[in-house]
Amino acid sequence: TVISYAFAKLLDWYFDIYLITSQRFI
């Protein structure tokens, strides 16, 4: 359970991203 919690938090951080493109920010 503890390891699953840590893995979920890591995924949340890694895949929570901002992009700046030639047209917009996302």
mmCIF file of all heavy atoms, coordinates in Angstrom:
data_MODEL
# 
_entry.id   MODEL 
# 
loop_
_atom_site.group_PDB 
_atom_site.id 
_atom_site.type_symbol 
_atom_site.label_atom_id 
_atom_site.label_alt_id 
_atom_site.label_comp_id 
_atom_site.label_asym_id 
_atom_site.label_entity_id 
_atom_site.label_seq_id 
_atom_site.pdbx_PDB_ins_code 
_atom_site.Cartn_x 
_atom_site.Cartn_y 
_atom_site.Cartn_z 
_atom_site.occupancy 
_atom_site.B_iso_or_equiv 
_atom_site.pdbx_formal_charge 
_atom_site.auth_seq_id 
_atom_site.auth_comp_id 
_atom_site.auth_asym_id 
_atom_site.auth_atom_id 
_atom_site.pdbx_PDB_model_num 
ATOM 1   N N   . THR A 1 1  ? 0.831  -1.207 0.000   1.00 0.00 ? 1  THR A N   1 
ATOM 2   C CA  . THR A 1 1  ? 0.000  0.000  0.000   1.00 0.00 ? 1  THR A CA  1 
ATOM 3   C C   . THR A 1 1  ? 0.861  1.251  0.000   1.00 0.00 ? 1  THR A C   1 
ATOM 4   O O   . THR A 1 1  ? 0.603  2.207  -0.746  1.00 0.00 ? 1  THR A O   1 
ATOM 5   C CB  . THR A 1 1  ? -0.939 0.003  1.217   1.00 0.00 ? 1  THR A CB  1 
ATOM 6   O OG1 . THR A 1 1  ? -1.755 -1.168 1.204   1.00 0.00 ? 1  THR A OG1 1 
ATOM 7   C CG2 . THR A 1 1  ? -1.823 1.238  1.214   1.00 0.00 ? 1  THR A CG2 1 
ATOM 8   N N   . VAL A 1 2  ? 1.905  1.256  0.830   1.00 0.00 ? 2  VAL A N   1 
ATOM 9   C CA  . VAL A 1 2  ? 2.796  2.419  0.896   1.00 0.00 ? 2  VAL A CA  1 
ATOM 10  C C   . VAL A 1 2  ? 3.503  2.635  -0.437  1.00 0.00 ? 2  VAL A C   1 
ATOM 11  O O   . VAL A 1 2  ? 3.593  3.764  -0.944  1.00 0.00 ? 2  VAL A O   1 
ATOM 12  C CB  . VAL A 1 2  ? 3.826  2.238  2.032   1.00 0.00 ? 2  VAL A CB  1 
ATOM 13  C CG1 . VAL A 1 2  ? 4.854  3.363  2.000   1.00 0.00 ? 2  VAL A CG1 1 
ATOM 14  C CG2 . VAL A 1 2  ? 3.129  2.209  3.384   1.00 0.00 ? 2  VAL A CG2 1 
ATOM 15  N N   . ILE A 1 3  ? 4.009  1.563  -1.023  1.00 0.00 ? 3  ILE A N   1 
ATOM 16  C CA  . ILE A 1 3  ? 4.723  1.680  -2.298  1.00 0.00 ? 3  ILE A CA  1 
ATOM 17  C C   . ILE A 1 3  ? 3.766  2.125  -3.416  1.00 0.00 ? 3  ILE A C   1 
ATOM 18  O O   . ILE A 1 3  ? 4.133  2.932  -4.278  1.00 0.00 ? 3  ILE A O   1 
ATOM 19  C CB  . ILE A 1 3  ? 5.394  0.345  -2.654  1.00 0.00 ? 3  ILE A CB  1 
ATOM 20  C CG1 . ILE A 1 3  ? 6.532  0.060  -1.664  1.00 0.00 ? 3  ILE A CG1 1 
ATOM 21  C CG2 . ILE A 1 3  ? 5.937  0.367  -4.085  1.00 0.00 ? 3  ILE A CG2 1 
ATOM 22  C CD1 . ILE A 1 3  ? 7.134  -1.312 -1.789  1.00 0.00 ? 3  ILE A CD1 1 
ATOM 23  N N   . SER A 1 4  ? 2.539  1.623  -3.394  1.00 0.00 ? 4  SER A N   1 
ATOM 24  C CA  . SER A 1 4  ? 1.551  2.040  -4.396  1.00 0.00 ? 4  SER A CA  1 
ATOM 25  C C   . SER A 1 4  ? 1.237  3.528  -4.265  1.00 0.00 ? 4  SER A C   1 
ATOM 26  O O   . SER A 1 4  ? 1.091  4.242  -5.270  1.00 0.00 ? 4  SER A O   1 
ATOM 27  C CB  . SER A 1 4  ? 0.264  1.224  -4.243  1.00 0.00 ? 4  SER A CB  1 
ATOM 28  O OG  . SER A 1 4  ? 0.502  -0.149 -4.486  1.00 0.00 ? 4  SER A OG  1 
ATOM 29  N N   . TYR A 1 5  ? 1.148  4.008  -3.028  1.00 0.00 ? 5  TYR A N   1 
ATOM 30  C CA  . TYR A 1 5  ? 0.907  5.432  -2.782  1.00 0.00 ? 5  TYR A CA  1 
ATOM 31  C C   . TYR A 1 5  ? 2.058  6.273  -3.347  1.00 0.00 ? 5  TYR A C   1 
ATOM 32  O O   . TYR A 1 5  ? 1.834  7.286  -4.029  1.00 0.00 ? 5  TYR A O   1 
ATOM 33  C CB  . TYR A 1 5  ? 0.756  5.667  -1.280  1.00 0.00 ? 5  TYR A CB  1 
ATOM 34  C CG  . TYR A 1 5  ? 0.782  7.118  -0.868  1.00 0.00 ? 5  TYR A CG  1 
ATOM 35  C CD1 . TYR A 1 5  ? -0.346 7.917  -1.009  1.00 0.00 ? 5  TYR A CD1 1 
ATOM 36  C CD2 . TYR A 1 5  ? 1.933  7.683  -0.326  1.00 0.00 ? 5  TYR A CD2 1 
ATOM 37  C CE1 . TYR A 1 5  ? -0.323 9.254  -0.623  1.00 0.00 ? 5  TYR A CE1 1 
ATOM 38  C CE2 . TYR A 1 5  ? 1.960  9.015  0.066   1.00 0.00 ? 5  TYR A CE2 1 
ATOM 39  C CZ  . TYR A 1 5  ? 0.836  9.799  -0.090  1.00 0.00 ? 5  TYR A CZ  1 
ATOM 40  O OH  . TYR A 1 5  ? 0.869  11.111 0.287   1.00 0.00 ? 5  TYR A OH  1 
ATOM 41  N N   . ALA A 1 6  ? 3.298  5.833  -3.091  1.00 0.00 ? 6  ALA A N   1 
ATOM 42  C CA  . ALA A 1 6  ? 4.463  6.562  -3.589  1.00 0.00 ? 6  ALA A CA  1 
ATOM 43  C C   . ALA A 1 6  ? 4.491  6.571  -5.119  1.00 0.00 ? 6  ALA A C   1 
ATOM 44  O O   . ALA A 1 6  ? 4.782  7.598  -5.747  1.00 0.00 ? 6  ALA A O   1 
ATOM 45  C CB  . ALA A 1 6  ? 5.745  5.932  -3.038  1.00 0.00 ? 6  ALA A CB  1 
ATOM 46  N N   . PHE A 1 7  ? 4.179  5.432  -5.723  1.00 0.00 ? 7  PHE A N   1 
ATOM 47  C CA  . PHE A 1 7  ? 4.190  5.330  -7.174  1.00 0.00 ? 7  PHE A CA  1 
ATOM 48  C C   . PHE A 1 7  ? 3.124  6.231  -7.798  1.00 0.00 ? 7  PHE A C   1 
ATOM 49  O O   . PHE A 1 7  ? 3.364  6.889  -8.821  1.00 0.00 ? 7  PHE A O   1 
ATOM 50  C CB  . PHE A 1 7  ? 3.963  3.876  -7.594  1.00 0.00 ? 7  PHE A CB  1 
ATOM 51  C CG  . PHE A 1 7  ? 4.126  3.622  -9.057  1.00 0.00 ? 7  PHE A CG  1 
ATOM 52  C CD1 . PHE A 1 7  ? 5.333  3.842  -9.692  1.00 0.00 ? 7  PHE A CD1 1 
ATOM 53  C CD2 . PHE A 1 7  ? 3.053  3.157  -9.809  1.00 0.00 ? 7  PHE A CD2 1 
ATOM 54  C CE1 . PHE A 1 7  ? 5.481  3.610  -11.058 1.00 0.00 ? 7  PHE A CE1 1 
ATOM 55  C CE2 . PHE A 1 7  ? 3.193  2.925  -11.172 1.00 0.00 ? 7  PHE A CE2 1 
ATOM 56  C CZ  . PHE A 1 7  ? 4.411  3.152  -11.794 1.00 0.00 ? 7  PHE A CZ  1 
ATOM 57  N N   . ALA A 1 8  ? 1.952  6.277  -7.174  1.00 0.00 ? 8  ALA A N   1 
ATOM 58  C CA  . ALA A 1 8  ? 0.871  7.125  -7.673  1.00 0.00 ? 8  ALA A CA  1 
ATOM 59  C C   . ALA A 1 8  ? 1.265  8.604  -7.597  1.00 0.00 ? 8  ALA A C   1 
ATOM 60  O O   . ALA A 1 8  ? 1.004  9.381  -8.532  1.00 0.00 ? 8  ALA A O   1 
ATOM 61  C CB  . ALA A 1 8  ? -0.405 6.880  -6.878  1.00 0.00 ? 8  ALA A CB  1 
ATOM 62  N N   . LYS A 1 9  ? 1.895  8.998  -6.499  1.00 0.00 ? 9  LYS A N   1 
ATOM 63  C CA  . LYS A 1 9  ? 2.337  10.381 -6.351  1.00 0.00 ? 9  LYS A CA  1 
ATOM 64  C C   . LYS A 1 9  ? 3.391  10.740 -7.393  1.00 0.00 ? 9  LYS A C   1 
ATOM 65  O O   . LYS A 1 9  ? 3.386  11.850 -7.948  1.00 0.00 ? 9  LYS A O   1 
ATOM 66  C CB  . LYS A 1 9  ? 2.898  10.598 -4.940  1.00 0.00 ? 9  LYS A CB  1 
ATOM 67  C CG  . LYS A 1 9  ? 1.843  10.707 -3.859  1.00 0.00 ? 9  LYS A CG  1 
ATOM 68  C CD  . LYS A 1 9  ? 1.060  11.998 -4.011  1.00 0.00 ? 9  LYS A CD  1 
ATOM 69  C CE  . LYS A 1 9  ? 0.111  12.235 -2.876  1.00 0.00 ? 9  LYS A CE  1 
ATOM 70  N NZ  . LYS A 1 9  ? -0.671 13.489 -3.046  1.00 0.00 ? 9  LYS A NZ  1 
ATOM 71  N N   . LEU A 1 10 ? 4.308  9.812  -7.653  1.00 0.00 ? 10 LEU A N   1 
ATOM 72  C CA  . LEU A 1 10 ? 5.349  10.053 -8.647  1.00 0.00 ? 10 LEU A CA  1 
ATOM 73  C C   . LEU A 1 10 ? 4.744  10.211 -10.043 1.00 0.00 ? 10 LEU A C   1 
ATOM 74  O O   . LEU A 1 10 ? 5.139  11.109 -10.801 1.00 0.00 ? 10 LEU A O   1 
ATOM 75  C CB  . LEU A 1 10 ? 6.355  8.906  -8.634  1.00 0.00 ? 10 LEU A CB  1 
ATOM 76  C CG  . LEU A 1 10 ? 7.547  9.029  -9.585  1.00 0.00 ? 10 LEU A CG  1 
ATOM 77  C CD1 . LEU A 1 10 ? 8.377  10.260 -9.253  1.00 0.00 ? 10 LEU A CD1 1 
ATOM 78  C CD2 . LEU A 1 10 ? 8.406  7.771  -9.538  1.00 0.00 ? 10 LEU A CD2 1 
ATOM 79  N N   . LEU A 1 11 ? 3.788  9.354  -10.373 1.00 0.00 ? 11 LEU A N   1 
ATOM 80  C CA  . LEU A 1 11 ? 3.126  9.460  -11.678 1.00 0.00 ? 11 LEU A CA  1 
ATOM 81  C C   . LEU A 1 11 ? 2.361  10.773 -11.798 1.00 0.00 ? 11 LEU A C   1 
ATOM 82  O O   . LEU A 1 11 ? 2.383  11.427 -12.855 1.00 0.00 ? 11 LEU A O   1 
ATOM 83  C CB  . LEU A 1 11 ? 2.171  8.287  -11.888 1.00 0.00 ? 11 LEU A CB  1 
ATOM 84  C CG  . LEU A 1 11 ? 2.803  6.912  -12.118 1.00 0.00 ? 11 LEU A CG  1 
ATOM 85  C CD1 . LEU A 1 11 ? 1.714  5.868  -12.311 1.00 0.00 ? 11 LEU A CD1 1 
ATOM 86  C CD2 . LEU A 1 11 ? 3.733  6.930  -13.321 1.00 0.00 ? 11 LEU A CD2 1 
ATOM 87  N N   . ASP A 1 12 ? 1.666  11.163 -10.724 1.00 0.00 ? 12 ASP A N   1 
ATOM 88  C CA  . ASP A 1 12 ? 0.927  12.425 -10.734 1.00 0.00 ? 12 ASP A CA  1 
ATOM 89  C C   . ASP A 1 12 ? 1.855  13.592 -11.043 1.00 0.00 ? 12 ASP A C   1 
ATOM 90  O O   . ASP A 1 12 ? 1.500  14.510 -11.800 1.00 0.00 ? 12 ASP A O   1 
ATOM 91  C CB  . ASP A 1 12 ? 0.238  12.650 -9.383  1.00 0.00 ? 12 ASP A CB  1 
ATOM 92  C CG  . ASP A 1 12 ? -1.038 11.838 -9.247  1.00 0.00 ? 12 ASP A CG  1 
ATOM 93  O OD1 . ASP A 1 12 ? -1.521 11.331 -10.270 1.00 0.00 ? 12 ASP A OD1 1 
ATOM 94  O OD2 . ASP A 1 12 ? -1.529 11.711 -8.117  1.00 0.00 ? 12 ASP A OD2 1 
ATOM 95  N N   . TRP A 1 13 ? 3.035  13.581 -10.435 1.00 0.00 ? 13 TRP A N   1 
ATOM 96  C CA  . TRP A 1 13 ? 3.993  14.662 -10.665 1.00 0.00 ? 13 TRP A CA  1 
ATOM 97  C C   . TRP A 1 13 ? 4.571  14.598 -12.073 1.00 0.00 ? 13 TRP A C   1 
ATOM 98  O O   . TRP A 1 13 ? 4.604  15.611 -12.787 1.00 0.00 ? 13 TRP A O   1 
ATOM 99  C CB  . TRP A 1 13 ? 5.126  14.584 -9.639  1.00 0.00 ? 13 TRP A CB  1 
ATOM 100 C CG  . TRP A 1 13 ? 6.253  15.520 -9.972  1.00 0.00 ? 13 TRP A CG  1 
ATOM 101 C CD1 . TRP A 1 13 ? 6.288  16.875 -9.772  1.00 0.00 ? 13 TRP A CD1 1 
ATOM 102 C CD2 . TRP A 1 13 ? 7.501  15.179 -10.604 1.00 0.00 ? 13 TRP A CD2 1 
ATOM 103 N NE1 . TRP A 1 13 ? 7.474  17.393 -10.245 1.00 0.00 ? 13 TRP A NE1 1 
ATOM 104 C CE2 . TRP A 1 13 ? 8.236  16.379 -10.751 1.00 0.00 ? 13 TRP A CE2 1 
ATOM 105 C CE3 . TRP A 1 13 ? 8.057  13.978 -11.043 1.00 0.00 ? 13 TRP A CE3 1 
ATOM 106 C CZ2 . TRP A 1 13 ? 9.505  16.401 -11.332 1.00 0.00 ? 13 TRP A CZ2 1 
ATOM 107 C CZ3 . TRP A 1 13 ? 9.312  13.998 -11.620 1.00 0.00 ? 13 TRP A CZ3 1 
ATOM 108 C CH2 . TRP A 1 13 ? 10.025 15.195 -11.753 1.00 0.00 ? 13 TRP A CH2 1 
ATOM 109 N N   . TYR A 1 14 ? 4.995  13.434 -12.494 1.00 0.00 ? 14 TYR A N   1 
ATOM 110 C CA  . TYR A 1 14 ? 5.712  13.317 -13.761 1.00 0.00 ? 14 TYR A CA  1 
ATOM 111 C C   . TYR A 1 14 ? 4.833  13.638 -14.963 1.00 0.00 ? 14 TYR A C   1 
ATOM 112 O O   . TYR A 1 14 ? 5.288  14.258 -15.939 1.00 0.00 ? 14 TYR A O   1 
ATOM 113 C CB  . TYR A 1 14 ? 6.301  11.908 -13.907 1.00 0.00 ? 14 TYR A CB  1 
ATOM 114 C CG  . TYR A 1 14 ? 7.206  11.766 -15.098 1.00 0.00 ? 14 TYR A CG  1 
ATOM 115 C CD1 . TYR A 1 14 ? 8.537  12.203 -15.039 1.00 0.00 ? 14 TYR A CD1 1 
ATOM 116 C CD2 . TYR A 1 14 ? 6.746  11.216 -16.291 1.00 0.00 ? 14 TYR A CD2 1 
ATOM 117 C CE1 . TYR A 1 14 ? 9.367  12.090 -16.138 1.00 0.00 ? 14 TYR A CE1 1 
ATOM 118 C CE2 . TYR A 1 14 ? 7.583  11.103 -17.397 1.00 0.00 ? 14 TYR A CE2 1 
ATOM 119 C CZ  . TYR A 1 14 ? 8.887  11.538 -17.308 1.00 0.00 ? 14 TYR A CZ  1 
ATOM 120 O OH  . TYR A 1 14 ? 9.706  11.433 -18.409 1.00 0.00 ? 14 TYR A OH  1 
ATOM 121 N N   . PHE A 1 15 ? 3.575  13.219 -14.926 1.00 0.00 ? 15 PHE A N   1 
ATOM 122 C CA  . PHE A 1 15 ? 2.683  13.411 -16.066 1.00 0.00 ? 15 PHE A CA  1 
ATOM 123 C C   . PHE A 1 15 ? 1.819  14.666 -15.957 1.00 0.00 ? 15 PHE A C   1 
ATOM 124 O O   . PHE A 1 15 ? 0.977  14.907 -16.827 1.00 0.00 ? 15 PHE A O   1 
ATOM 125 C CB  . PHE A 1 15 ? 1.802  12.179 -16.253 1.00 0.00 ? 15 PHE A CB  1 
ATOM 126 C CG  . PHE A 1 15 ? 2.566  10.981 -16.755 1.00 0.00 ? 15 PHE A CG  1 
ATOM 127 C CD1 . PHE A 1 15 ? 2.847  9.921  -15.906 1.00 0.00 ? 15 PHE A CD1 1 
ATOM 128 C CD2 . PHE A 1 15 ? 3.020  10.928 -18.054 1.00 0.00 ? 15 PHE A CD2 1 
ATOM 129 C CE1 . PHE A 1 15 ? 3.564  8.820  -16.351 1.00 0.00 ? 15 PHE A CE1 1 
ATOM 130 C CE2 . PHE A 1 15 ? 3.738  9.831  -18.519 1.00 0.00 ? 15 PHE A CE2 1 
ATOM 131 C CZ  . PHE A 1 15 ? 4.014  8.771  -17.665 1.00 0.00 ? 15 PHE A CZ  1 
ATOM 132 N N   . ASP A 1 16 ? 2.017  15.444 -14.892 1.00 0.00 ? 16 ASP A N   1 
ATOM 133 C CA  . ASP A 1 16 ? 1.323  16.730 -14.766 1.00 0.00 ? 16 ASP A CA  1 
ATOM 134 C C   . ASP A 1 16 ? 2.242  17.794 -15.359 1.00 0.00 ? 16 ASP A C   1 
ATOM 135 O O   . ASP A 1 16 ? 3.175  18.259 -14.701 1.00 0.00 ? 16 ASP A O   1 
ATOM 136 C CB  . ASP A 1 16 ? 1.022  17.014 -13.292 1.00 0.00 ? 16 ASP A CB  1 
ATOM 137 C CG  . ASP A 1 16 ? 0.109  18.208 -13.106 1.00 0.00 ? 16 ASP A CG  1 
ATOM 138 O OD1 . ASP A 1 16 ? -0.177 18.917 -14.088 1.00 0.00 ? 16 ASP A OD1 1 
ATOM 139 O OD2 . ASP A 1 16 ? -0.312 18.460 -11.958 1.00 0.00 ? 16 ASP A OD2 1 
ATOM 140 N N   . ILE A 1 17 ? 2.004  18.191 -16.616 1.00 0.00 ? 17 ILE A N   1 
ATOM 141 C CA  . ILE A 1 17 ? 2.966  19.031 -17.326 1.00 0.00 ? 17 ILE A CA  1 
ATOM 142 C C   . ILE A 1 17 ? 2.308  20.284 -17.910 1.00 0.00 ? 17 ILE A C   1 
ATOM 143 O O   . ILE A 1 17 ? 1.088  20.351 -18.103 1.00 0.00 ? 17 ILE A O   1 
ATOM 144 C CB  . ILE A 1 17 ? 3.657  18.245 -18.465 1.00 0.00 ? 17 ILE A CB  1 
ATOM 145 C CG1 . ILE A 1 17 ? 2.631  17.782 -19.504 1.00 0.00 ? 17 ILE A CG1 1 
ATOM 146 C CG2 . ILE A 1 17 ? 4.435  17.068 -17.912 1.00 0.00 ? 17 ILE A CG2 1 
ATOM 147 C CD1 . ILE A 1 17 ? 3.244  17.128 -20.725 1.00 0.00 ? 17 ILE A CD1 1 
ATOM 148 N N   . TYR A 1 18 ? 3.158  21.264 -18.179 1.00 0.00 ? 18 TYR A N   1 
ATOM 149 C CA  . TYR A 1 18 ? 2.769  22.464 -18.911 1.00 0.00 ? 18 TYR A CA  1 
ATOM 150 C C   . TYR A 1 18 ? 3.574  22.498 -20.213 1.00 0.00 ? 18 TYR A C   1 
ATOM 151 O O   . TYR A 1 18 ? 4.774  22.203 -20.216 1.00 0.00 ? 18 TYR A O   1 
ATOM 152 C CB  . TYR A 1 18 ? 3.064  23.729 -18.104 1.00 0.00 ? 18 TYR A CB  1 
ATOM 153 C CG  . TYR A 1 18 ? 2.403  23.777 -16.753 1.00 0.00 ? 18 TYR A CG  1 
ATOM 154 C CD1 . TYR A 1 18 ? 3.087  23.368 -15.612 1.00 0.00 ? 18 TYR A CD1 1 
ATOM 155 C CD2 . TYR A 1 18 ? 1.095  24.244 -16.602 1.00 0.00 ? 18 TYR A CD2 1 
ATOM 156 C CE1 . TYR A 1 18 ? 2.492  23.412 -14.358 1.00 0.00 ? 18 TYR A CE1 1 
ATOM 157 C CE2 . TYR A 1 18 ? 0.492  24.294 -15.359 1.00 0.00 ? 18 TYR A CE2 1 
ATOM 158 C CZ  . TYR A 1 18 ? 1.202  23.879 -14.235 1.00 0.00 ? 18 TYR A CZ  1 
ATOM 159 O OH  . TYR A 1 18 ? 0.615  23.926 -13.001 1.00 0.00 ? 18 TYR A OH  1 
ATOM 160 N N   . LEU A 1 19 ? 2.912  22.860 -21.306 1.00 0.00 ? 19 LEU A N   1 
ATOM 161 C CA  . LEU A 1 19 ? 3.568  22.997 -22.596 1.00 0.00 ? 19 LEU A CA  1 
ATOM 162 C C   . LEU A 1 19 ? 3.387  24.412 -23.115 1.00 0.00 ? 19 LEU A C   1 
ATOM 163 O O   . LEU A 1 19 ? 2.299  24.993 -23.002 1.00 0.00 ? 19 LEU A O   1 
ATOM 164 C CB  . LEU A 1 19 ? 2.984  22.015 -23.615 1.00 0.00 ? 19 LEU A CB  1 
ATOM 165 C CG  . LEU A 1 19 ? 3.108  20.513 -23.320 1.00 0.00 ? 19 LEU A CG  1 
ATOM 166 C CD1 . LEU A 1 19 ? 2.379  19.713 -24.393 1.00 0.00 ? 19 LEU A CD1 1 
ATOM 167 C CD2 . LEU A 1 19 ? 4.564  20.088 -23.233 1.00 0.00 ? 19 LEU A CD2 1 
ATOM 168 N N   . ILE A 1 20 ? 4.458  24.961 -23.673 1.00 0.00 ? 20 ILE A N   1 
ATOM 169 C CA  . ILE A 1 20 ? 4.382  26.234 -24.383 1.00 0.00 ? 20 ILE A CA  1 
ATOM 170 C C   . ILE A 1 20 ? 4.677  25.927 -25.845 1.00 0.00 ? 20 ILE A C   1 
ATOM 171 O O   . ILE A 1 20 ? 5.738  25.385 -26.169 1.00 0.00 ? 20 ILE A O   1 
ATOM 172 C CB  . ILE A 1 20 ? 5.412  27.256 -23.864 1.00 0.00 ? 20 ILE A CB  1 
ATOM 173 C CG1 . ILE A 1 20 ? 5.345  27.371 -22.336 1.00 0.00 ? 20 ILE A CG1 1 
ATOM 174 C CG2 . ILE A 1 20 ? 5.179  28.616 -24.529 1.00 0.00 ? 20 ILE A CG2 1 
ATOM 175 C CD1 . ILE A 1 20 ? 4.027  27.853 -21.808 1.00 0.00 ? 20 ILE A CD1 1 
ATOM 176 N N   . THR A 1 21 ? 3.746  26.261 -26.712 1.00 0.00 ? 21 THR A N   1 
ATOM 177 C CA  . THR A 1 21 ? 3.918  25.977 -28.128 1.00 0.00 ? 21 THR A CA  1 
ATOM 178 C C   . THR A 1 21 ? 3.988  27.282 -28.921 1.00 0.00 ? 21 THR A C   1 
ATOM 179 O O   . THR A 1 21 ? 3.956  28.380 -28.349 1.00 0.00 ? 21 THR A O   1 
ATOM 180 C CB  . THR A 1 21 ? 2.758  25.107 -28.666 1.00 0.00 ? 21 THR A CB  1 
ATOM 181 O OG1 . THR A 1 21 ? 1.618  25.924 -28.919 1.00 0.00 ? 21 THR A OG1 1 
ATOM 182 C CG2 . THR A 1 21 ? 2.396  24.004 -27.686 1.00 0.00 ? 21 THR A CG2 1 
ATOM 183 N N   . SER A 1 22 ? 4.040  27.148 -30.210 1.00 0.00 ? 22 SER A N   1 
ATOM 184 C CA  . SER A 1 22 ? 4.072  28.324 -31.073 1.00 0.00 ? 22 SER A CA  1 
ATOM 185 C C   . SER A 1 22 ? 2.722  29.033 -31.142 1.00 0.00 ? 22 SER A C   1 
ATOM 186 O O   . SER A 1 22 ? 2.625  30.111 -31.731 1.00 0.00 ? 22 SER A O   1 
ATOM 187 C CB  . SER A 1 22 ? 4.508  27.920 -32.486 1.00 0.00 ? 22 SER A CB  1 
ATOM 188 O OG  . SER A 1 22 ? 3.691  26.875 -32.977 1.00 0.00 ? 22 SER A OG  1 
ATOM 189 N N   . GLN A 1 23 ? 1.695  28.457 -30.520 1.00 0.00 ? 23 GLN A N   1 
ATOM 190 C CA  . GLN A 1 23 ? 0.367  29.064 -30.557 1.00 0.00 ? 23 GLN A CA  1 
ATOM 191 C C   . GLN A 1 23 ? -0.255 29.278 -29.180 1.00 0.00 ? 23 GLN A C   1 
ATOM 192 O O   . GLN A 1 23 ? -1.027 30.207 -28.985 1.00 0.00 ? 23 GLN A O   1 
ATOM 193 C CB  . GLN A 1 23 ? -0.582 28.187 -31.375 1.00 0.00 ? 23 GLN A CB  1 
ATOM 194 C CG  . GLN A 1 23 ? -0.166 28.002 -32.823 1.00 0.00 ? 23 GLN A CG  1 
ATOM 195 C CD  . GLN A 1 23 ? -1.097 27.076 -33.572 1.00 0.00 ? 23 GLN A CD  1 
ATOM 196 O OE1 . GLN A 1 23 ? -2.211 26.806 -33.130 1.00 0.00 ? 23 GLN A OE1 1 
ATOM 197 N NE2 . GLN A 1 23 ? -0.651 26.571 -34.715 1.00 0.00 ? 23 GLN A NE2 1 
ATOM 198 N N   . ARG A 1 24 ? 0.076  28.446 -28.218 1.00 0.00 ? 24 ARG A N   1 
ATOM 199 C CA  . ARG A 1 24 ? -0.682 28.434 -26.960 1.00 0.00 ? 24 ARG A CA  1 
ATOM 200 C C   . ARG A 1 24 ? 0.151  27.876 -25.817 1.00 0.00 ? 24 ARG A C   1 
ATOM 201 O O   . ARG A 1 24 ? 1.250  27.397 -26.000 1.00 0.00 ? 24 ARG A O   1 
ATOM 202 C CB  . ARG A 1 24 ? -1.940 27.579 -27.142 1.00 0.00 ? 24 ARG A CB  1 
ATOM 203 C CG  . ARG A 1 24 ? -1.634 26.216 -27.761 1.00 0.00 ? 24 ARG A CG  1 
ATOM 204 C CD  . ARG A 1 24 ? -2.883 25.452 -28.144 1.00 0.00 ? 24 ARG A CD  1 
ATOM 205 N NE  . ARG A 1 24 ? -2.602 24.413 -29.133 1.00 0.00 ? 24 ARG A NE  1 
ATOM 206 C CZ  . ARG A 1 24 ? -3.453 23.475 -29.488 1.00 0.00 ? 24 ARG A CZ  1 
ATOM 207 N NH1 . ARG A 1 24 ? -4.642 23.423 -28.929 1.00 0.00 ? 24 ARG A NH1 1 
ATOM 208 N NH2 . ARG A 1 24 ? -3.121 22.579 -30.405 1.00 0.00 ? 24 ARG A NH2 1 
ATOM 209 N N   . PHE A 1 25 ? -0.445 27.945 -24.622 1.00 0.00 ? 25 PHE A N   1 
ATOM 210 C CA  . PHE A 1 25 ? 0.120  27.238 -23.475 1.00 0.00 ? 25 PHE A CA  1 
ATOM 211 C C   . PHE A 1 25 ? -0.935 26.282 -22.945 1.00 0.00 ? 25 PHE A C   1 
ATOM 212 O O   . PHE A 1 25 ? -2.135 26.580 -22.949 1.00 0.00 ? 25 PHE A O   1 
ATOM 213 C CB  . PHE A 1 25 ? 0.627  28.193 -22.386 1.00 0.00 ? 25 PHE A CB  1 
ATOM 214 C CG  . PHE A 1 25 ? -0.296 29.322 -22.033 1.00 0.00 ? 25 PHE A CG  1 
ATOM 215 C CD1 . PHE A 1 25 ? -1.190 29.211 -20.987 1.00 0.00 ? 25 PHE A CD1 1 
ATOM 216 C CD2 . PHE A 1 25 ? -0.244 30.516 -22.737 1.00 0.00 ? 25 PHE A CD2 1 
ATOM 217 C CE1 . PHE A 1 25 ? -2.027 30.255 -20.647 1.00 0.00 ? 25 PHE A CE1 1 
ATOM 218 C CE2 . PHE A 1 25 ? -1.079 31.570 -22.403 1.00 0.00 ? 25 PHE A CE2 1 
ATOM 219 C CZ  . PHE A 1 25 ? -1.976 31.443 -21.360 1.00 0.00 ? 25 PHE A CZ  1 
ATOM 220 N N   . ILE A 1 26 ? -0.482 25.120 -22.514 1.00 0.00 ? 26 ILE A N   1 
ATOM 221 C CA  . ILE A 1 26 ? -1.377 24.004 -22.201 1.00 0.00 ? 26 ILE A CA  1 
ATOM 222 C C   . ILE A 1 26 ? -0.986 23.403 -20.862 1.00 0.00 ? 26 ILE A C   1 
ATOM 223 O O   . ILE A 1 26 ? 0.206  23.233 -20.576 1.00 0.00 ? 26 ILE A O   1 
ATOM 224 C CB  . ILE A 1 26 ? -1.284 22.912 -23.289 1.00 0.00 ? 26 ILE A CB  1 
ATOM 225 C CG1 . ILE A 1 26 ? -1.575 23.497 -24.675 1.00 0.00 ? 26 ILE A CG1 1 
ATOM 226 C CG2 . ILE A 1 26 ? -2.219 21.749 -22.994 1.00 0.00 ? 26 ILE A CG2 1 
ATOM 227 C CD1 . ILE A 1 26 ? -1.155 22.590 -25.804 1.00 0.00 ? 26 ILE A CD1 1 
# 
